[in-house]
Amino acid sequence: MEKNGVLFFSVIIPAHNEEGYIDRTLASLRDIDYPRDRYEVIVVENGSTDRTREIIDEYASTSLKRMSIGEASVSKARNQGMLLLSRLSEWVIFLDADTSLGTAFFRELDLFLQKNAGRDLGSGMVSLLPDPDSRLARGWYRFYNLANRLTGTTRSIQCIRRDLLNGIRYDESLTFGEDTRMLRDCNRRSRHFYLKTTSVFSSTRRFQKRGWMRQLFSWIYLTALPYEKKRSTRYTVIR
């Protein structure tokens, strides 16, 4: 459904112990330059033990839906968030709680998707900028952006056409690679896209705490694991 040519976006954000980041993420969505009746924000607080829930409540409004589940499962949080999608929703943006959007992002995404309306695009990834910024971080993010583009994978943000979600869900048995598995299911029905932008900012906390090389090799190892092994592997989330 379109209104005056403007797509309706739904943003689903899982949030577990994100008191250090969720404020900036929600503020970026509050201040985004896009018609307020053409997007919604759904935050699923999942098992937090810090001030995450209180911070989310500070942003309570008609454009923000929130729910809480007791389990700290990102896949379950995303799946539960889908239950709250507006009937107007056309594209769903699954956003990490430590990833913020520039004011122009929705308009960029809307323009790109409408220009490519005839290509049967169903899922996609966008380029990321590091937060905080540094020369080292920019270099690594250029590498990761290229890797995501070449491999058709995603991190921090995942855009999926709403109608594709009628029959597929995130695999709740996985703590790593659930987004790649979701993309595989989407790609069976539609085409994947990559959008270059300067309006999405992803936290560098994983690299700062574990080291850039160590995090890279950890991801490579986990990605290479067979599905059954992934199901039994518990990925340590860095906060």
Foldseek 3Di string as FASTA:
>chain_A
DDDPLAAAEEEEEEDAQPVVALLQALVLVVQAQDPLVRYAYEYEYEQHPDCVVVSLVVSDDPRYHYDYYNHPFPQVSVVVSLVPDDPRHFKYKYAYSRKHFHNCVSVQVSVVCVVCVPQFAFKEEEQEAEVPHDPVRRVLSVVVLVVCQVVVAYPRMMMGTSVLVPPDGFDRLARPCSRVVVVVSRVVPGDYDYHYDHTMYGYPQVCVVQNSVRVVVVNVVLVPDDPVVRSVDHDDDDD
